[in-house]
Amino acid sequence: MADAQKKQVPLRLSAKLYNEIAAWAEDDFRSVNGQIEYLLTECVRQRKKRGGVQSPAAEEETE
């Protein structure tokens, strides 16, 4: 990531989804925030591989 500063984004999740992500994060030895960031980063990378539309900001985040 070119800019080391991270953006804060409010996020609303259902209790069920939060609990699923929290359990997954625990399995992977990550925080819930870390797990969400990991999952979003992987989704962007997969989209990039499939040739999905990319914004310049998203490309910087995945490098």
C-alpha atoms as a PDB file:
ATOM      1  CA  MET A   1       0.000   0.000   0.000  1.00  0.00           C
ATOM      2  CA  ALA A   2       1.515   3.310  -1.044  1.00  0.00           C
ATOM      3  CA  ASP A   3      -0.111   5.286   1.773  1.00  0.00           C
ATOM      4  CA  ALA A   4       0.456   3.729   5.208  1.00  0.00           C
ATOM      5  CA  GLN A   5      -2.517   5.617   6.639  1.00  0.00           C
ATOM      6  CA  LYS A   6      -5.688   3.530   6.776  1.00  0.00           C
ATOM      7  CA  LYS A   7      -9.211   4.843   6.330  1.00  0.00           C
ATOM      8  CA  GLN A   8     -11.820   4.229   8.986  1.00  0.00           C
ATOM      9  CA  VAL A   9     -15.160   3.046   7.655  1.00  0.00           C
ATOM     10  CA  PRO A  10     -18.283   2.450   9.730  1.00  0.00           C
ATOM     11  CA  LEU A  11     -19.650  -0.997   9.018  1.00  0.00           C
ATOM     12  CA  ARG A  12     -22.922  -2.562  10.086  1.00  0.00           C
ATOM     13  CA  LEU A  13     -23.088  -6.350  10.245  1.00  0.00           C
ATOM     14  CA  SER A  14     -25.764  -8.677  11.480  1.00  0.00           C
ATOM     15  CA  ALA A  15     -24.936 -10.436  14.736  1.00  0.00           C
ATOM     16  CA  LYS A  16     -24.849 -13.761  12.887  1.00  0.00           C
ATOM     17  CA  LEU A  17     -22.373 -12.517  10.261  1.00  0.00           C
ATOM     18  CA  TYR A  18     -20.217 -10.840  12.907  1.00  0.00           C
ATOM     19  CA  ASN A  19     -20.074 -14.071  14.921  1.00  0.00           C
ATOM     20  CA  GLU A  20     -19.106 -16.073  11.826  1.00  0.00           C
ATOM     21  CA  ILE A  21     -16.321 -13.614  10.963  1.00  0.00           C
ATOM     22  CA  ALA A  22     -15.152 -13.511  14.593  1.00  0.00           C
ATOM     23  CA  ALA A  23     -14.906 -17.323  14.707  1.00  0.00           C
ATOM     24  CA  TRP A  24     -13.029 -17.348  11.400  1.00  0.00           C
ATOM     25  CA  ALA A  25     -10.702 -14.599  12.643  1.00  0.00           C
ATOM     26  CA  GLU A  26      -9.956 -16.622  15.765  1.00  0.00           C
ATOM     27  CA  ASP A  27      -9.132 -19.675  13.630  1.00  0.00           C
ATOM     28  CA  ASP A  28      -6.732 -17.535  11.573  1.00  0.00           C
ATOM     29  CA  PHE A  29      -5.257 -15.758  14.650  1.00  0.00           C
ATOM     30  CA  ARG A  30      -6.496 -12.346  13.462  1.00  0.00           C
ATOM     31  CA  SER A  31      -8.646  -9.609  14.939  1.00  0.00           C
ATOM     32  CA  VAL A  32     -12.133  -9.172  13.490  1.00  0.00           C
ATOM     33  CA  ASN A  33     -10.966  -5.959  11.778  1.00  0.00           C
ATOM     34  CA  GLY A  34      -7.928  -7.772  10.410  1.00  0.00           C
ATOM     35  CA  GLN A  35     -10.119 -10.587   9.109  1.00  0.00           C
ATOM     36  CA  ILE A  36     -12.504  -8.180   7.373  1.00  0.00           C
ATOM     37  CA  GLU A  37      -9.559  -6.340   5.795  1.00  0.00           C
ATOM     38  CA  TYR A  38      -8.056  -9.660   4.658  1.00  0.00           C
ATOM     39  CA  LEU A  39     -11.352 -10.815   3.128  1.00  0.00           C
ATOM     40  CA  LEU A  40     -11.929  -7.537   1.300  1.00  0.00           C
ATOM     41  CA  THR A  41      -8.349  -7.496  -0.007  1.00  0.00           C
ATOM     42  CA  GLU A  42      -8.729 -11.055  -1.324  1.00  0.00           C
ATOM     43  CA  CYS A  43     -12.022 -10.180  -3.019  1.00  0.00           C
ATOM     44  CA  VAL A  44     -10.422  -7.200  -4.766  1.00  0.00           C
ATOM     45  CA  ARG A  45      -7.478  -9.349  -5.895  1.00  0.00           C
ATOM     46  CA  GLN A  46      -9.817 -12.028  -7.272  1.00  0.00           C
ATOM     47  CA  ARG A  47     -11.850  -9.408  -9.102  1.00  0.00           C
ATOM     48  CA  LYS A  48      -8.659  -7.966 -10.558  1.00  0.00           C
ATOM     49  CA  LYS A  49      -7.597 -11.429 -11.782  1.00  0.00           C
ATOM     50  CA  ARG A  50     -10.982 -11.911 -13.472  1.00  0.00           C
ATOM     51  CA  GLY A  51     -10.585  -8.569 -15.238  1.00  0.00           C
ATOM     52  CA  GLY A  52     -13.209  -6.703 -13.234  1.00  0.00           C
ATOM     53  CA  VAL A  53     -13.395  -2.937 -13.278  1.00  0.00           C
ATOM     54  CA  GLN A  54     -10.670  -1.391 -11.142  1.00  0.00           C
ATOM     55  CA  SER A  55     -10.392   2.088  -9.742  1.00  0.00           C
ATOM     56  CA  PRO A  56      -6.889   3.551  -9.302  1.00  0.00           C
ATOM     57  CA  ALA A  57      -7.417   3.658  -5.516  1.00  0.00           C
ATOM     58  CA  ALA A  58      -8.271  -0.056  -5.367  1.00  0.00           C
ATOM     59  CA  GLU A  59      -5.156  -0.933  -7.349  1.00  0.00           C
ATOM     60  CA  GLU A  60      -2.985   0.967  -4.864  1.00  0.00           C
ATOM     61  CA  GLU A  61      -4.592  -0.869  -1.935  1.00  0.00           C
ATOM     62  CA  THR A  62      -3.759  -4.313  -3.322  1.00  0.00           C
ATOM     63  CA  GLU A  63      -0.131  -3.624  -4.254  1.00  0.00           C
END
